[in-house]
């Protein structure tokens, strides 16, 4: 498993080029972000549902200094089977314009069609609904899986800031 994760360490933006997938979903997470960590089971369920339908998923760890071993430990601890990659140089962060974790970016034919929250469970930092009312990412993925390309949209995500590289 570590070998498979390590293969994804070098960030190649060709991942976002069309390869026959219906879409590529980048899920920006941080190992130290409690909000990201709470979404692990839900993200895993989305992967289980939409991965077999031709949608490619990647967990993206945009943490400078995070090692492959620490990434693997977090990946295993939260039960992920979604392929993961380190984005210490923020190449994927820049391409998606991601700002927080957790945040999702959905690309269809190399074009960003969705950037934003997973759902509306968090209304502000420290303010969580008992259950989400709207499942933004799931809605987009269901449309893509059905052969539709939704219009580009954004939904503000609540979470841990992605630190700027200086």
C-alpha atoms as a PDB file:
ATOM      1  CA  UNK A   1       0.000   0.000   0.000  1.00  0.00           C
ATOM      2  CA  UNK A   2       2.816   2.431   0.845  1.00  0.00           C
ATOM      3  CA  UNK A   3       4.330   1.774  -2.585  1.00  0.00           C
ATOM      4  CA  UNK A   4       1.022   2.644  -4.258  1.00  0.00           C
ATOM      5  CA  UNK A   5       0.750   5.834  -2.227  1.00  0.00           C
ATOM      6  CA  UNK A   6       4.344   6.746  -2.933  1.00  0.00           C
ATOM      7  CA  UNK A   7       3.750   6.429  -6.658  1.00  0.00           C
ATOM      8  CA  UNK A   8       1.296   9.279  -6.290  1.00  0.00           C
ATOM      9  CA  UNK A   9       3.694  11.524  -4.405  1.00  0.00           C
ATOM     10  CA  UNK A  10       5.077  13.282  -7.432  1.00  0.00           C
ATOM     11  CA  UNK A  11       2.324  15.597  -8.501  1.00  0.00           C
ATOM     12  CA  UNK A  12       1.559  15.354 -12.188  1.00  0.00           C
ATOM     13  CA  UNK A  13      -1.192  17.642 -13.342  1.00  0.00           C
ATOM     14  CA  UNK A  14      -1.847  15.251 -16.233  1.00  0.00           C
ATOM     15  CA  UNK A  15      -4.191  13.552 -13.752  1.00  0.00           C
ATOM     16  CA  UNK A  16      -6.639  16.299 -14.665  1.00  0.00           C
ATOM     17  CA  UNK A  17      -6.361  15.664 -18.399  1.00  0.00           C
ATOM     18  CA  UNK A  18      -9.107  13.542 -19.930  1.00  0.00           C
ATOM     19  CA  UNK A  19      -8.259   9.818 -19.790  1.00  0.00           C
ATOM     20  CA  UNK A  20     -11.686   8.357 -20.413  1.00  0.00           C
ATOM     21  CA  UNK A  21     -12.987   8.951 -16.888  1.00  0.00           C
ATOM     22  CA  UNK A  22     -16.278  10.750 -16.581  1.00  0.00           C
ATOM     23  CA  UNK A  23     -14.685  13.038 -14.004  1.00  0.00           C
ATOM     24  CA  UNK A  24     -11.754  13.463 -11.648  1.00  0.00           C
ATOM     25  CA  UNK A  25     -12.550  14.419  -8.062  1.00  0.00           C
ATOM     26  CA  UNK A  26      -9.851  15.964  -5.900  1.00  0.00           C
ATOM     27  CA  UNK A  27     -10.705  15.813  -2.206  1.00  0.00           C
ATOM     28  CA  UNK A  28      -8.501  18.243  -0.305  1.00  0.00           C
ATOM     29  CA  UNK A  29      -7.968  17.039   3.258  1.00  0.00           C
ATOM     30  CA  UNK A  30      -5.517  17.573   6.104  1.00  0.00           C
ATOM     31  CA  UNK A  31      -4.406  14.932   8.550  1.00  0.00           C
ATOM     32  CA  UNK A  32      -4.718  17.429  11.406  1.00  0.00           C
ATOM     33  CA  UNK A  33      -8.115  18.897  10.459  1.00  0.00           C
ATOM     34  CA  UNK A  34     -10.975  17.598  12.614  1.00  0.00           C
ATOM     35  CA  UNK A  35     -13.583  18.649  10.048  1.00  0.00           C
ATOM     36  CA  UNK A  36     -11.767  16.750   7.270  1.00  0.00           C
ATOM     37  CA  UNK A  37     -11.467  13.729   9.517  1.00  0.00           C
ATOM     38  CA  UNK A  38     -15.197  13.698  10.308  1.00  0.00           C
ATOM     39  CA  UNK A  39     -15.960  13.394   6.601  1.00  0.00           C
ATOM     40  CA  UNK A  40     -13.767  10.297   6.074  1.00  0.00           C
ATOM     41  CA  UNK A  41     -16.592   7.705   6.190  1.00  0.00           C
ATOM     42  CA  UNK A  42     -18.815   9.793   3.901  1.00  0.00           C
ATOM     43  CA  UNK A  43     -16.026  10.417   1.364  1.00  0.00           C
ATOM     44  CA  UNK A  44     -15.257   6.708   1.373  1.00  0.00           C
ATOM     45  CA  UNK A  45     -18.940   5.936   0.657  1.00  0.00           C
ATOM     46  CA  UNK A  46     -18.960   8.389  -2.277  1.00  0.00           C
ATOM     47  CA  UNK A  47     -15.854   6.691  -3.652  1.00  0.00           C
ATOM     48  CA  UNK A  48     -17.500   3.276  -3.293  1.00  0.00           C
ATOM     49  CA  UNK A  49     -20.613   4.477  -5.079  1.00  0.00           C
ATOM     50  CA  UNK A  50     -19.169   6.607  -7.888  1.00  0.00           C
ATOM     51  CA  UNK A  51     -15.715   5.097  -8.454  1.00  0.00           C
ATOM     52  CA  UNK A  52     -17.174   2.041 -10.229  1.00  0.00           C
ATOM     53  CA  UNK A  53     -19.201   4.418 -12.435  1.00  0.00           C
ATOM     54  CA  UNK A  54     -16.091   5.867 -14.073  1.00  0.00           C
ATOM     55  CA  UNK A  55     -15.344   8.731 -11.695  1.00  0.00           C
ATOM     56  CA  UNK A  56     -11.723   8.922 -10.551  1.00  0.00           C
ATOM     57  CA  UNK A  57     -11.025  10.093  -6.977  1.00  0.00           C
ATOM     58  CA  UNK A  58      -7.873  11.338  -5.244  1.00  0.00           C
ATOM     59  CA  UNK A  59      -7.340  12.461  -1.691  1.00  0.00           C
ATOM     60  CA  UNK A  60      -5.013  15.455  -1.831  1.00  0.00           C
ATOM     61  CA  UNK A  61      -2.910  16.294   1.212  1.00  0.00           C
ATOM     62  CA  UNK A  62      -1.723  19.915   0.727  1.00  0.00           C
ATOM     63  CA  UNK A  63       0.471  19.872   3.830  1.00  0.00           C
ATOM     64  CA  UNK A  64       4.068  20.984   3.383  1.00  0.00           C
ATOM     65  CA  UNK A  65       6.305  18.750   5.471  1.00  0.00           C
ATOM     66  CA  UNK A  66       3.866  15.839   5.661  1.00  0.00           C
ATOM     67  CA  UNK A  67       5.800  12.651   4.957  1.00  0.00           C
ATOM     68  CA  UNK A  68       4.633   9.677   2.917  1.00  0.00           C
ATOM     69  CA  UNK A  69       4.664   7.589   6.090  1.00  0.00           C
ATOM     70  CA  UNK A  70       2.492  10.115   7.965  1.00  0.00           C
ATOM     71  CA  UNK A  71       0.112  10.298   5.019  1.00  0.00           C
ATOM     72  CA  UNK A  72      -0.171   6.506   4.904  1.00  0.00           C
ATOM     73  CA  UNK A  73      -0.754   6.365   8.667  1.00  0.00           C
ATOM     74  CA  UNK A  74      -3.601   8.881   8.411  1.00  0.00           C
ATOM     75  CA  UNK A  75      -4.995   7.148   5.307  1.00  0.00           C
ATOM     76  CA  UNK A  76      -5.079   3.800   7.112  1.00  0.00           C
ATOM     77  CA  UNK A  77      -6.287   5.213  10.447  1.00  0.00           C
ATOM     78  CA  UNK A  78      -9.402   6.667   8.792  1.00  0.00           C
ATOM     79  CA  UNK A  79     -10.120   3.604   6.658  1.00  0.00           C
ATOM     80  CA  UNK A  80      -9.528   5.219   3.295  1.00  0.00           C
ATOM     81  CA  UNK A  81      -9.120   3.153   0.150  1.00  0.00           C
ATOM     82  CA  UNK A  82      -9.227   6.265  -2.049  1.00  0.00           C
ATOM     83  CA  UNK A  83      -5.827   6.791  -3.731  1.00  0.00           C
ATOM     84  CA  UNK A  84      -3.927   9.631  -2.078  1.00  0.00           C
ATOM     85  CA  UNK A  85      -1.208  12.067  -3.043  1.00  0.00           C
ATOM     86  CA  UNK A  86       0.909  14.693  -1.369  1.00  0.00           C
ATOM     87  CA  UNK A  87       0.608  18.195  -2.802  1.00  0.00           C
ATOM     88  CA  UNK A  88       3.327  19.899  -0.769  1.00  0.00           C
ATOM     89  CA  UNK A  89       4.069  22.259  -3.664  1.00  0.00           C
ATOM     90  CA  UNK A  90       0.365  23.138  -4.026  1.00  0.00           C
ATOM     91  CA  UNK A  91       0.170  22.367  -7.744  1.00  0.00           C
ATOM     92  CA  UNK A  92      -3.306  20.866  -7.352  1.00  0.00           C
ATOM     93  CA  UNK A  93      -4.319  23.539  -4.839  1.00  0.00           C
ATOM     94  CA  UNK A  94      -3.439  26.201  -7.422  1.00  0.00           C
ATOM     95  CA  UNK A  95      -5.162  24.394 -10.301  1.00  0.00           C
ATOM     96  CA  UNK A  96      -8.398  24.009  -8.323  1.00  0.00           C
ATOM     97  CA  UNK A  97      -8.031  27.239  -6.325  1.00  0.00           C
ATOM     98  CA  UNK A  98      -8.799  25.262  -3.157  1.00  0.00           C
ATOM     99  CA  UNK A  99      -8.743  27.255   0.057  1.00  0.00           C
ATOM    100  CA  UNK A 100      -9.760  24.954   2.914  1.00  0.00           C
ATOM    101  CA  UNK A 101     -10.031  21.331   3.919  1.00  0.00           C
ATOM    102  CA  UNK A 102     -12.223  19.521   3.362  1.00  0.00           C
ATOM    103  CA  UNK A 103     -12.983  20.885  -0.081  1.00  0.00           C
ATOM    104  CA  UNK A 104     -13.822  19.081  -3.313  1.00  0.00           C
ATOM    105  CA  UNK A 105     -12.866  19.976  -6.875  1.00  0.00           C
ATOM    106  CA  UNK A 106     -14.552  18.129  -9.731  1.00  0.00           C
ATOM    107  CA  UNK A 107     -13.017  18.214 -13.201  1.00  0.00           C
ATOM    108  CA  UNK A 108     -14.777  16.988 -16.349  1.00  0.00           C
ATOM    109  CA  UNK A 109     -12.653  16.790 -19.512  1.00  0.00           C
ATOM    110  CA  UNK A 110      -9.965  18.738 -17.656  1.00  0.00           C
ATOM    111  CA  UNK A 111     -12.305  21.636 -16.826  1.00  0.00           C
ATOM    112  CA  UNK A 112     -13.245  22.565 -13.274  1.00  0.00           C
ATOM    113  CA  UNK A 113     -17.028  22.269 -12.920  1.00  0.00           C
ATOM    114  CA  UNK A 114     -17.354  22.280  -9.137  1.00  0.00           C
ATOM    115  CA  UNK A 115     -15.335  23.656  -6.252  1.00  0.00           C
ATOM    116  CA  UNK A 116     -16.593  23.687  -2.731  1.00  0.00           C
ATOM    117  CA  UNK A 117     -18.071  22.000   0.253  1.00  0.00           C
ATOM    118  CA  UNK A 118     -18.902  18.333   0.547  1.00  0.00           C
ATOM    119  CA  UNK A 119     -22.320  19.218   1.961  1.00  0.00           C
ATOM    120  CA  UNK A 120     -23.890  21.891   4.177  1.00  0.00           C
ATOM    121  CA  UNK A 121     -23.410  20.134   7.513  1.00  0.00           C
ATOM    122  CA  UNK A 122     -21.028  22.884   8.703  1.00  0.00           C
ATOM    123  CA  UNK A 123     -22.516  26.367   8.666  1.00  0.00           C
ATOM    124  CA  UNK A 124     -19.507  28.023  10.310  1.00  0.00           C
ATOM    125  CA  UNK A 125     -16.416  27.017  12.262  1.00  0.00           C
ATOM    126  CA  UNK A 126     -17.689  25.294  15.387  1.00  0.00           C
ATOM    127  CA  UNK A 127     -21.302  25.296  14.122  1.00  0.00           C
ATOM    128  CA  UNK A 128     -22.457  21.937  12.835  1.00  0.00           C
ATOM    129  CA  UNK A 129     -25.950  20.779  11.903  1.00  0.00           C
ATOM    130  CA  UNK A 130     -27.028  17.339  13.148  1.00  0.00           C
ATOM    131  CA  UNK A 131     -27.305  16.290   9.495  1.00  0.00           C
ATOM    132  CA  UNK A 132     -26.661  17.863   6.127  1.00  0.00           C
ATOM    133  CA  UNK A 133     -29.624  19.302   4.245  1.00  0.00           C
ATOM    134  CA  UNK A 134     -27.847  19.548   0.910  1.00  0.00           C
ATOM    135  CA  UNK A 135     -25.249  17.118  -0.443  1.00  0.00           C
ATOM    136  CA  UNK A 136     -23.535  19.349  -3.006  1.00  0.00           C
ATOM    137  CA  UNK A 137     -20.724  17.010  -4.043  1.00  0.00           C
ATOM    138  CA  UNK A 138     -23.009  13.981  -4.263  1.00  0.00           C
ATOM    139  CA  UNK A 139     -25.449  15.946  -6.461  1.00  0.00           C
ATOM    140  CA  UNK A 140     -22.681  16.901  -8.875  1.00  0.00           C
ATOM    141  CA  UNK A 141     -21.319  13.348  -9.005  1.00  0.00           C
ATOM    142  CA  UNK A 142     -24.782  11.860  -9.577  1.00  0.00           C
ATOM    143  CA  UNK A 143     -25.306  14.192 -12.535  1.00  0.00           C
ATOM    144  CA  UNK A 144     -21.893  13.337 -14.013  1.00  0.00           C
ATOM    145  CA  UNK A 145     -22.481   9.610 -13.507  1.00  0.00           C
ATOM    146  CA  UNK A 146     -25.778  10.019 -15.388  1.00  0.00           C
ATOM    147  CA  UNK A 147     -23.888  11.480 -18.355  1.00  0.00           C
ATOM    148  CA  UNK A 148     -24.678  15.127 -17.665  1.00  0.00           C
ATOM    149  CA  UNK A 149     -22.161  17.917 -17.241  1.00  0.00           C
ATOM    150  CA  UNK A 150     -23.527  20.371 -14.680  1.00  0.00           C
ATOM    151  CA  UNK A 151     -22.855  24.065 -15.097  1.00  0.00           C
ATOM    152  CA  UNK A 152     -19.797  25.278 -13.229  1.00  0.00           C
ATOM    153  CA  UNK A 153     -20.542  26.291  -9.666  1.00  0.00           C
ATOM    154  CA  UNK A 154     -18.954  26.911  -6.311  1.00  0.00           C
ATOM    155  CA  UNK A 155     -20.218  26.423  -2.771  1.00  0.00           C
ATOM    156  CA  UNK A 156     -18.208  27.953   0.038  1.00  0.00           C
ATOM    157  CA  UNK A 157     -16.514  25.296   2.154  1.00  0.00           C
ATOM    158  CA  UNK A 158     -16.027  25.553   5.914  1.00  0.00           C
ATOM    159  CA  UNK A 159     -12.907  23.993   7.355  1.00  0.00           C
ATOM    160  CA  UNK A 160      -9.204  24.291   8.060  1.00  0.00           C
ATOM    161  CA  UNK A 161      -7.280  26.791   5.960  1.00  0.00           C
ATOM    162  CA  UNK A 162      -4.785  25.579   3.399  1.00  0.00           C
ATOM    163  CA  UNK A 163      -1.639  27.418   4.377  1.00  0.00           C
ATOM    164  CA  UNK A 164       0.020  29.543   1.714  1.00  0.00           C
ATOM    165  CA  UNK A 165       3.519  28.570   0.681  1.00  0.00           C
ATOM    166  CA  UNK A 166       6.054  31.310   1.269  1.00  0.00           C
END
